[in-house]
All heavy atoms as atom14 arrays in JSON, in Angstrom:
{
  "sequence": "MPLTDICAEFRRAGFLIDELLEPRPVPEMAESHPDDHASLSRVP",
  "atom14_mask": [
    [1, 1, 1, 1, 1, 1, 1, 1, 0, 0, 0, 0, 0, 0],
    [1, 1, 1, 1, 1, 1, 1, 0, 0, 0, 0, 0, 0, 0],
    [1, 1, 1, 1, 1, 1, 1, 1, 0, 0, 0, 0, 0, 0],
    [1, 1, 1, 1, 1, 1, 1, 0, 0, 0, 0, 0, 0, 0],
    [1, 1, 1, 1, 1, 1, 1, 1, 0, 0, 0, 0, 0, 0],
    [1, 1, 1, 1, 1, 1, 1, 1, 0, 0, 0, 0, 0, 0],
    [1, 1, 1, 1, 1, 1, 0, 0, 0, 0, 0, 0, 0, 0],
    [1, 1, 1, 1, 1, 0, 0, 0, 0, 0, 0, 0, 0, 0],
    [1, 1, 1, 1, 1, 1, 1, 1, 1, 0, 0, 0, 0, 0],
    [1, 1, 1, 1, 1, 1, 1, 1, 1, 1, 1, 0, 0, 0],
    [1, 1, 1, 1, 1, 1, 1, 1, 1, 1, 1, 0, 0, 0],
    [1, 1, 1, 1, 1, 1, 1, 1, 1, 1, 1, 0, 0, 0],
    [1, 1, 1, 1, 1, 0, 0, 0, 0, 0, 0, 0, 0, 0],
    [1, 1, 1, 1, 0, 0, 0, 0, 0, 0, 0, 0, 0, 0],
    [1, 1, 1, 1, 1, 1, 1, 1, 1, 1, 1, 0, 0, 0],
    [1, 1, 1, 1, 1, 1, 1, 1, 0, 0, 0, 0, 0, 0],
    [1, 1, 1, 1, 1, 1, 1, 1, 0, 0, 0, 0, 0, 0],
    [1, 1, 1, 1, 1, 1, 1, 1, 0, 0, 0, 0, 0, 0],
    [1, 1, 1, 1, 1, 1, 1, 1, 1, 0, 0, 0, 0, 0],
    [1, 1, 1, 1, 1, 1, 1, 1, 0, 0, 0, 0, 0, 0],
    [1, 1, 1, 1, 1, 1, 1, 1, 0, 0, 0, 0, 0, 0],
    [1, 1, 1, 1, 1, 1, 1, 1, 1, 0, 0, 0, 0, 0],
    [1, 1, 1, 1, 1, 1, 1, 0, 0, 0, 0, 0, 0, 0],
    [1, 1, 1, 1, 1, 1, 1, 1, 1, 1, 1, 0, 0, 0],
    [1, 1, 1, 1, 1, 1, 1, 0, 0, 0, 0, 0, 0, 0],
    [1, 1, 1, 1, 1, 1, 1, 0, 0, 0, 0, 0, 0, 0],
    [1, 1, 1, 1, 1, 1, 1, 0, 0, 0, 0, 0, 0, 0],
    [1, 1, 1, 1, 1, 1, 1, 1, 1, 0, 0, 0, 0, 0],
    [1, 1, 1, 1, 1, 1, 1, 1, 0, 0, 0, 0, 0, 0],
    [1, 1, 1, 1, 1, 0, 0, 0, 0, 0, 0, 0, 0, 0],
    [1, 1, 1, 1, 1, 1, 1, 1, 1, 0, 0, 0, 0, 0],
    [1, 1, 1, 1, 1, 1, 0, 0, 0, 0, 0, 0, 0, 0],
    [1, 1, 1, 1, 1, 1, 1, 1, 1, 1, 0, 0, 0, 0],
    [1, 1, 1, 1, 1, 1, 1, 0, 0, 0, 0, 0, 0, 0],
    [1, 1, 1, 1, 1, 1, 1, 1, 0, 0, 0, 0, 0, 0],
    [1, 1, 1, 1, 1, 1, 1, 1, 0, 0, 0, 0, 0, 0],
    [1, 1, 1, 1, 1, 1, 1, 1, 1, 1, 0, 0, 0, 0],
    [1, 1, 1, 1, 1, 0, 0, 0, 0, 0, 0, 0, 0, 0],
    [1, 1, 1, 1, 1, 1, 0, 0, 0, 0, 0, 0, 0, 0],
    [1, 1, 1, 1, 1, 1, 1, 1, 0, 0, 0, 0, 0, 0],
    [1, 1, 1, 1, 1, 1, 0, 0, 0, 0, 0, 0, 0, 0],
    [1, 1, 1, 1, 1, 1, 1, 1, 1, 1, 1, 0, 0, 0],
    [1, 1, 1, 1, 1, 1, 1, 0, 0, 0, 0, 0, 0, 0],
    [1, 1, 1, 1, 1, 1, 1, 0, 0, 0, 0, 0, 0, 0]
  ],
  "atom14_positions": [
    [[0.85, -1.19, 0.0], [0.0, 0.0, 0.0], [0.88, 1.23, 0.0], [2.04, 1.17, 0.43], [-0.94, 0.02, 1.21], [-0.25, 0.06, 2.56], [-1.45, 0.11, 3.92], [-2.32, -1.41, 3.65], [0.0, 0.0, 0.0], [0.0, 0.0, 0.0], [0.0, 0.0, 0.0], [0.0, 0.0, 0.0], [0.0, 0.0, 0.0], [0.0, 0.0, 0.0]],
    [[0.37, 2.35, -0.5], [1.17, 3.58, -0.53], [1.29, 4.19, 0.86], [0.54, 3.87, 1.79], [0.38, 4.48, -1.48], [-1.03, 4.02, -1.35], [-0.95, 2.54, -1.14], [0.0, 0.0, 0.0], [0.0, 0.0, 0.0], [0.0, 0.0, 0.0], [0.0, 0.0, 0.0], [0.0, 0.0, 0.0], [0.0, 0.0, 0.0], [0.0, 0.0, 0.0]],
    [[2.24, 5.1, 0.99], [2.5, 5.73, 2.27], [1.27, 6.48, 2.79], [1.02, 6.5, 4.01], [3.68, 6.7, 2.12], [4.2, 7.35, 3.4], [4.7, 6.3, 4.38], [5.32, 8.34, 3.06], [0.0, 0.0, 0.0], [0.0, 0.0, 0.0], [0.0, 0.0, 0.0], [0.0, 0.0, 0.0], [0.0, 0.0, 0.0], [0.0, 0.0, 0.0]],
    [[0.5, 7.06, 1.92], [-0.72, 7.77, 2.33], [-1.65, 6.85, 3.11], [-2.19, 7.22, 4.15], [-1.44, 8.35, 1.11], [-0.62, 9.35, 0.5], [-2.78, 8.97, 1.5], [0.0, 0.0, 0.0], [0.0, 0.0, 0.0], [0.0, 0.0, 0.0], [0.0, 0.0, 0.0], [0.0, 0.0, 0.0], [0.0, 0.0, 0.0], [0.0, 0.0, 0.0]],
    [[-1.84, 5.62, 2.6], [-2.75, 4.68, 3.25], [-2.17, 4.19, 4.58], [-2.91, 3.99, 5.55], [-3.02, 3.5, 2.33], [-3.87, 3.88, 1.13], [-3.42, 4.73, 0.35], [-4.99, 3.34, 0.98], [0.0, 0.0, 0.0], [0.0, 0.0, 0.0], [0.0, 0.0, 0.0], [0.0, 0.0, 0.0], [0.0, 0.0, 0.0], [0.0, 0.0, 0.0]],
    [[-0.85, 3.96, 4.61], [-0.22, 3.55, 5.87], [-0.48, 4.59, 6.95], [-0.91, 4.27, 8.07], [1.29, 3.35, 5.66], [1.55, 2.14, 4.76], [2.01, 3.18, 6.99], [3.0, 1.98, 4.34], [0.0, 0.0, 0.0], [0.0, 0.0, 0.0], [0.0, 0.0, 0.0], [0.0, 0.0, 0.0], [0.0, 0.0, 0.0], [0.0, 0.0, 0.0]],
    [[-0.24, 5.86, 6.62], [-0.4, 6.93, 7.6], [-1.87, 7.13, 7.98], [-2.18, 7.46, 9.14], [0.2, 8.22, 7.07], [1.99, 8.12, 6.81], [0.0, 0.0, 0.0], [0.0, 0.0, 0.0], [0.0, 0.0, 0.0], [0.0, 0.0, 0.0], [0.0, 0.0, 0.0], [0.0, 0.0, 0.0], [0.0, 0.0, 0.0], [0.0, 0.0, 0.0]],
    [[-2.77, 6.94, 7.03], [-4.19, 7.08, 7.32], [-4.65, 6.03, 8.33], [-5.5, 6.3, 9.19], [-5.01, 6.97, 6.04], [0.0, 0.0, 0.0], [0.0, 0.0, 0.0], [0.0, 0.0, 0.0], [0.0, 0.0, 0.0], [0.0, 0.0, 0.0], [0.0, 0.0, 0.0], [0.0, 0.0, 0.0], [0.0, 0.0, 0.0], [0.0, 0.0, 0.0]],
    [[-4.09, 4.83, 8.25], [-4.46, 3.78, 9.21], [-3.96, 4.13, 10.61], [-4.63, 3.83, 11.61], [-3.92, 2.43, 8.75], [-4.63, 1.92, 7.51], [-4.29, 0.49, 7.16], [-3.25, -0.02, 7.63], [-5.08, -0.13, 6.42], [0.0, 0.0, 0.0], [0.0, 0.0, 0.0], [0.0, 0.0, 0.0], [0.0, 0.0, 0.0], [0.0, 0.0, 0.0]],
    [[-2.8, 4.76, 10.71], [-2.33, 5.21, 12.02], [-3.34, 6.17, 12.65], [-3.68, 6.05, 13.82], [-0.98, 5.92, 11.9], [0.16, 5.06, 11.41], [1.28, 5.65, 10.84], [0.11, 3.68, 11.5], [2.34, 4.89, 10.4], [1.18, 2.9, 11.05], [2.29, 3.51, 10.49], [0.0, 0.0, 0.0], [0.0, 0.0, 0.0], [0.0, 0.0, 0.0]],
    [[-3.8, 7.11, 11.85], [-4.75, 8.1, 12.37], [-6.07, 7.45, 12.75], [-6.65, 7.77, 13.79], [-4.97, 9.2, 11.34], [-5.9, 10.31, 11.85], [-5.94, 11.5, 10.91], [-6.88, 12.5, 11.41], [-6.57, 13.42, 12.32], [-5.36, 13.45, 12.83], [-7.46, 14.3, 12.73], [0.0, 0.0, 0.0], [0.0, 0.0, 0.0], [0.0, 0.0, 0.0]],
    [[-6.55, 6.52, 11.93], [-7.8, 5.83, 12.25], [-7.71, 5.07, 13.56], [-8.7, 4.9, 14.29], [-8.18, 4.87, 11.12], [-8.73, 5.54, 9.87], [-8.94, 4.52, 8.77], [-9.78, 3.42, 9.2], [-9.81, 2.21, 8.63], [-8.99, 1.96, 7.61], [-10.62, 1.29, 9.08], [0.0, 0.0, 0.0], [0.0, 0.0, 0.0], [0.0, 0.0, 0.0]],
    [[-6.51, 4.6, 13.88], [-6.32, 3.84, 15.11], [-6.09, 4.74, 16.32], [-5.99, 4.24, 17.45], [-5.14, 2.89, 14.95], [0.0, 0.0, 0.0], [0.0, 0.0, 0.0], [0.0, 0.0, 0.0], [0.0, 0.0, 0.0], [0.0, 0.0, 0.0], [0.0, 0.0, 0.0], [0.0, 0.0, 0.0], [0.0, 0.0, 0.0], [0.0, 0.0, 0.0]],
    [[-6.0, 6.04, 16.11], [-5.83, 6.95, 17.23], [-4.4, 7.36, 17.51], [-4.08, 7.75, 18.63], [0.0, 0.0, 0.0], [0.0, 0.0, 0.0], [0.0, 0.0, 0.0], [0.0, 0.0, 0.0], [0.0, 0.0, 0.0], [0.0, 0.0, 0.0], [0.0, 0.0, 0.0], [0.0, 0.0, 0.0], [0.0, 0.0, 0.0], [0.0, 0.0, 0.0]],
    [[-3.55, 7.3, 16.49], [-2.14, 7.67, 16.66], [-1.79, 8.9, 15.83], [-2.38, 9.15, 14.77], [-1.22, 6.54, 16.24], [-1.08, 5.43, 17.24], [-1.72, 4.21, 17.04], [-0.29, 5.59, 18.36], [-1.59, 3.18, 17.96], [-0.15, 4.57, 19.28], [-0.8, 3.36, 19.09], [0.0, 0.0, 0.0], [0.0, 0.0, 0.0], [0.0, 0.0, 0.0]],
    [[-0.78, 9.62, 16.31], [-0.12, 10.66, 15.54], [1.32, 10.23, 15.29], [1.92, 9.52, 16.1], [-0.13, 11.99, 16.31], [-1.48, 12.63, 16.6], [-1.28, 13.87, 17.47], [-2.2, 13.0, 15.32], [0.0, 0.0, 0.0], [0.0, 0.0, 0.0], [0.0, 0.0, 0.0], [0.0, 0.0, 0.0], [0.0, 0.0, 0.0], [0.0, 0.0, 0.0]],
    [[1.89, 10.67, 14.17], [3.28, 10.36, 13.86], [4.18, 11.37, 14.57], [4.15, 12.57, 14.28], [3.53, 10.4, 12.35], [2.69, 9.34, 11.65], [5.02, 10.18, 12.04], [2.74, 9.43, 10.13], [0.0, 0.0, 0.0], [0.0, 0.0, 0.0], [0.0, 0.0, 0.0], [0.0, 0.0, 0.0], [0.0, 0.0, 0.0], [0.0, 0.0, 0.0]],
    [[4.96, 10.88, 15.53], [5.92, 11.72, 16.23], [7.22, 11.83, 15.43], [7.86, 12.87, 15.43], [6.2, 11.12, 17.62], [7.11, 11.99, 18.46], [6.85, 13.2, 18.55], [8.09, 11.45, 19.02], [0.0, 0.0, 0.0], [0.0, 0.0, 0.0], [0.0, 0.0, 0.0], [0.0, 0.0, 0.0], [0.0, 0.0, 0.0], [0.0, 0.0, 0.0]],
    [[7.58, 10.73, 14.77], [8.79, 10.73, 13.94], [8.65, 9.69, 12.84], [8.15, 8.59, 13.09], [10.03, 10.43, 14.79], [11.34, 10.6, 14.04], [12.56, 10.53, 14.93], [12.4, 10.49, 16.16], [13.68, 10.5, 14.39], [0.0, 0.0, 0.0], [0.0, 0.0, 0.0], [0.0, 0.0, 0.0], [0.0, 0.0, 0.0], [0.0, 0.0, 0.0]],
    [[9.08, 10.03, 11.66], [9.14, 9.11, 10.52], [10.6, 9.0, 10.11], [11.28, 10.02, 9.95], [8.29, 9.63, 9.36], [8.17, 8.76, 8.11], [6.89, 9.11, 7.35], [9.37, 8.94, 7.15], [0.0, 0.0, 0.0], [0.0, 0.0, 0.0], [0.0, 0.0, 0.0], [0.0, 0.0, 0.0], [0.0, 0.0, 0.0], [0.0, 0.0, 0.0]],
    [[11.07, 7.76, 9.96], [12.48, 7.54, 9.64], [12.61, 6.62, 8.44], [12.09, 5.5, 8.45], [13.19, 6.91, 10.84], [14.64, 6.49, 10.64], [15.52, 7.7, 10.36], [15.15, 5.71, 11.84], [0.0, 0.0, 0.0], [0.0, 0.0, 0.0], [0.0, 0.0, 0.0], [0.0, 0.0, 0.0], [0.0, 0.0, 0.0], [0.0, 0.0, 0.0]],
    [[13.28, 7.1, 7.39], [13.7, 6.25, 6.28], [15.16, 5.91, 6.55], [16.04, 6.74, 6.31], [13.5, 6.97, 4.96], [12.03, 7.2, 4.64], [11.83, 8.12, 3.45], [12.36, 9.25, 3.48], [11.15, 7.71, 2.5], [0.0, 0.0, 0.0], [0.0, 0.0, 0.0], [0.0, 0.0, 0.0], [0.0, 0.0, 0.0], [0.0, 0.0, 0.0]],
    [[15.43, 4.71, 7.09], [16.77, 4.43, 7.63], [17.86, 4.48, 6.56], [17.63, 4.19, 5.38], [16.63, 3.01, 8.19], [15.17, 2.77, 8.33], [14.52, 3.58, 7.26], [0.0, 0.0, 0.0], [0.0, 0.0, 0.0], [0.0, 0.0, 0.0], [0.0, 0.0, 0.0], [0.0, 0.0, 0.0], [0.0, 0.0, 0.0], [0.0, 0.0, 0.0]],
    [[19.05, 4.8, 7.01], [20.27, 4.64, 6.22], [21.03, 3.46, 6.81], [20.99, 3.24, 8.03], [21.13, 5.89, 6.27], [20.45, 7.16, 5.77], [20.19, 7.12, 4.27], [19.56, 8.34, 3.8], [20.25, 9.39, 3.34], [21.57, 9.38, 3.31], [19.61, 10.47, 2.93], [0.0, 0.0, 0.0], [0.0, 0.0, 0.0], [0.0, 0.0, 0.0]],
    [[21.73, 2.7, 6.01], [22.51, 1.59, 6.57], [23.62, 2.1, 7.47], [24.18, 3.18, 7.23], [23.08, 0.91, 5.31], [23.08, 1.97, 4.26], [21.89, 2.83, 4.55], [0.0, 0.0, 0.0], [0.0, 0.0, 0.0], [0.0, 0.0, 0.0], [0.0, 0.0, 0.0], [0.0, 0.0, 0.0], [0.0, 0.0, 0.0], [0.0, 0.0, 0.0]],
    [[23.93, 1.34, 8.52], [25.0, 1.76, 9.42], [26.34, 1.66, 8.69], [26.5, 0.86, 7.75], [25.01, 0.92, 10.72], [23.69, 1.08, 11.46], [25.27, -0.54, 10.42], [0.0, 0.0, 0.0], [0.0, 0.0, 0.0], [0.0, 0.0, 0.0], [0.0, 0.0, 0.0], [0.0, 0.0, 0.0], [0.0, 0.0, 0.0], [0.0, 0.0, 0.0]],
    [[27.33, 2.45, 9.07], [28.6, 2.48, 8.34], [29.29, 1.12, 8.23], [29.94, 0.85, 7.22], [29.44, 3.47, 9.16], [28.45, 4.36, 9.81], [27.28, 3.49, 10.12], [0.0, 0.0, 0.0], [0.0, 0.0, 0.0], [0.0, 0.0, 0.0], [0.0, 0.0, 0.0], [0.0, 0.0, 0.0], [0.0, 0.0, 0.0], [0.0, 0.0, 0.0]],
    [[29.14, 0.26, 9.25], [29.81, -1.04, 9.22], [29.37, -1.89, 8.02], [30.12, -2.75, 7.56], [29.52, -1.82, 10.5], [29.96, -1.14, 11.78], [28.85, -0.32, 12.41], [28.5, 0.72, 11.83], [28.36, -0.72, 13.47], [0.0, 0.0, 0.0], [0.0, 0.0, 0.0], [0.0, 0.0, 0.0], [0.0, 0.0, 0.0], [0.0, 0.0, 0.0]],
    [[28.17, -1.64, 7.51], [27.69, -2.43, 6.39], [28.53, -2.21, 5.13], [28.63, -3.08, 4.28], [26.21, -2.13, 6.09], [25.55, -3.14, 5.16], [23.94, -2.63, 4.51], [22.94, -2.58, 5.99], [0.0, 0.0, 0.0], [0.0, 0.0, 0.0], [0.0, 0.0, 0.0], [0.0, 0.0, 0.0], [0.0, 0.0, 0.0], [0.0, 0.0, 0.0]],
    [[29.12, -1.04, 5.01], [29.93, -0.75, 3.82], [31.1, -1.7, 3.71], [31.53, -2.04, 2.6], [30.42, 0.69, 3.87], [0.0, 0.0, 0.0], [0.0, 0.0, 0.0], [0.0, 0.0, 0.0], [0.0, 0.0, 0.0], [0.0, 0.0, 0.0], [0.0, 0.0, 0.0], [0.0, 0.0, 0.0], [0.0, 0.0, 0.0], [0.0, 0.0, 0.0]],
    [[31.63, -2.17, 4.84], [32.75, -3.09, 4.82], [32.29, -4.54, 4.71], [32.86, -5.32, 3.96], [33.59, -2.9, 6.08], [34.25, -1.55, 6.18], [35.15, -1.42, 7.4], [35.36, -2.45, 8.08], [35.64, -0.32, 7.66], [0.0, 0.0, 0.0], [0.0, 0.0, 0.0], [0.0, 0.0, 0.0], [0.0, 0.0, 0.0], [0.0, 0.0, 0.0]],
    [[31.24, -4.9, 5.49], [30.84, -6.31, 5.53], [29.94, -6.7, 4.36], [29.99, -7.84, 3.88], [30.12, -6.61, 6.85], [28.96, -5.8, 6.98], [0.0, 0.0, 0.0], [0.0, 0.0, 0.0], [0.0, 0.0, 0.0], [0.0, 0.0, 0.0], [0.0, 0.0, 0.0], [0.0, 0.0, 0.0], [0.0, 0.0, 0.0], [0.0, 0.0, 0.0]],
    [[29.1, -5.76, 3.87], [28.16, -6.05, 2.77], [28.1, -4.83, 1.85], [27.11, -4.08, 1.86], [26.76, -6.37, 3.32], [26.71, -7.57, 4.21], [27.03, -7.51, 5.56], [26.39, -8.86, 3.94], [26.88, -8.71, 6.09], [26.51, -9.55, 5.13], [0.0, 0.0, 0.0], [0.0, 0.0, 0.0], [0.0, 0.0, 0.0], [0.0, 0.0, 0.0]],
    [[29.15, -4.59, 1.07], [29.22, -3.35, 0.28], [28.08, -3.2, -0.73], [27.6, -2.08, -0.95], [30.58, -3.44, -0.41], [30.97, -4.88, -0.34], [30.36, -5.41, 0.91], [0.0, 0.0, 0.0], [0.0, 0.0, 0.0], [0.0, 0.0, 0.0], [0.0, 0.0, 0.0], [0.0, 0.0, 0.0], [0.0, 0.0, 0.0], [0.0, 0.0, 0.0]],
    [[27.64, -4.29, -1.35], [26.56, -4.18, -2.33], [25.25, -3.76, -1.66], [24.51, -2.92, -2.19], [26.37, -5.51, -3.06], [27.53, -5.84, -3.99], [28.31, -4.92, -4.31], [27.65, -7.01, -4.39], [0.0, 0.0, 0.0], [0.0, 0.0, 0.0], [0.0, 0.0, 0.0], [0.0, 0.0, 0.0], [0.0, 0.0, 0.0], [0.0, 0.0, 0.0]],
    [[24.94, -4.38, -0.5], [23.73, -3.99, 0.23], [23.83, -2.55, 0.7], [22.84, -1.8, 0.65], [23.53, -4.92, 1.43], [23.14, -6.32, 1.03], [22.08, -6.49, 0.41], [23.9, -7.26, 1.33], [0.0, 0.0, 0.0], [0.0, 0.0, 0.0], [0.0, 0.0, 0.0], [0.0, 0.0, 0.0], [0.0, 0.0, 0.0], [0.0, 0.0, 0.0]],
    [[24.99, -2.15, 1.16], [25.17, -0.77, 1.61], [24.93, 0.21, 0.48], [24.24, 1.23, 0.65], [26.59, -0.59, 2.17], [26.83, 0.77, 2.75], [27.26, 1.83, 1.99], [26.67, 1.24, 4.02], [27.37, 2.9, 2.76], [27.03, 2.57, 3.99], [0.0, 0.0, 0.0], [0.0, 0.0, 0.0], [0.0, 0.0, 0.0], [0.0, 0.0, 0.0]],
    [[25.46, -0.1, -0.7], [25.26, 0.79, -1.85], [23.8, 0.87, -2.24], [23.27, 1.96, -2.51], [26.1, 0.29, -3.02], [0.0, 0.0, 0.0], [0.0, 0.0, 0.0], [0.0, 0.0, 0.0], [0.0, 0.0, 0.0], [0.0, 0.0, 0.0], [0.0, 0.0, 0.0], [0.0, 0.0, 0.0], [0.0, 0.0, 0.0], [0.0, 0.0, 0.0]],
    [[23.11, -0.27, -2.24], [21.7, -0.3, -2.61], [20.84, 0.47, -1.61], [20.0, 1.3, -1.99], [21.21, -1.75, -2.71], [19.83, -1.8, -2.95], [0.0, 0.0, 0.0], [0.0, 0.0, 0.0], [0.0, 0.0, 0.0], [0.0, 0.0, 0.0], [0.0, 0.0, 0.0], [0.0, 0.0, 0.0], [0.0, 0.0, 0.0], [0.0, 0.0, 0.0]],
    [[21.05, 0.21, -0.32], [20.24, 0.85, 0.71], [20.58, 2.32, 0.88], [19.79, 3.08, 1.47], [20.41, 0.11, 2.04], [19.82, -1.3, 2.07], [20.25, -2.03, 3.34], [18.31, -1.27, 1.97], [0.0, 0.0, 0.0], [0.0, 0.0, 0.0], [0.0, 0.0, 0.0], [0.0, 0.0, 0.0], [0.0, 0.0, 0.0], [0.0, 0.0, 0.0]],
    [[21.71, 2.75, 0.39], [22.06, 4.17, 0.4], [21.34, 4.92, -0.71], [21.27, 6.16, -0.68], [23.57, 4.35, 0.26], [24.25, 3.8, 1.37], [0.0, 0.0, 0.0], [0.0, 0.0, 0.0], [0.0, 0.0, 0.0], [0.0, 0.0, 0.0], [0.0, 0.0, 0.0], [0.0, 0.0, 0.0], [0.0, 0.0, 0.0], [0.0, 0.0, 0.0]],
    [[20.84, 4.18, -1.7], [20.11, 4.8, -2.81], [18.6, 4.72, -2.64], [17.88, 5.7, -2.89], [20.49, 4.13, -4.14], [21.92, 4.34, -4.59], [22.11, 3.89, -6.04], [21.71, 2.5, -6.23], [22.53, 1.46, -6.1], [23.8, 1.66, -5.77], [22.11, 0.23, -6.31], [0.0, 0.0, 0.0], [0.0, 0.0, 0.0], [0.0, 0.0, 0.0]],
    [[18.1, 3.53, -2.25], [16.66, 3.28, -2.16], [16.34, 2.65, -0.82], [16.92, 1.61, -0.47], [16.18, 2.35, -3.3], [14.68, 2.1, -3.19], [16.52, 2.95, -4.65], [0.0, 0.0, 0.0], [0.0, 0.0, 0.0], [0.0, 0.0, 0.0], [0.0, 0.0, 0.0], [0.0, 0.0, 0.0], [0.0, 0.0, 0.0], [0.0, 0.0, 0.0]],
    [[15.43, 3.21, -0.03], [15.11, 2.63, 1.27], [14.34, 1.31, 1.11], [13.45, 1.2, 0.27], [14.25, 3.69, 1.94], [13.62, 4.43, 0.81], [14.63, 4.43, -0.3], [0.0, 0.0, 0.0], [0.0, 0.0, 0.0], [0.0, 0.0, 0.0], [0.0, 0.0, 0.0], [0.0, 0.0, 0.0], [0.0, 0.0, 0.0], [0.0, 0.0, 0.0]]
  ]
}
């Protein structure tokens, strides 16, 4: 489902969004899994 629908369900359930986070990979991933690090640095 799109982000709009995800957020609408939060509101229907009685919640407000205090923080939204699109994570970045931790730096250690660049050494242990460079391909995953590169991918997750471009697209969440």
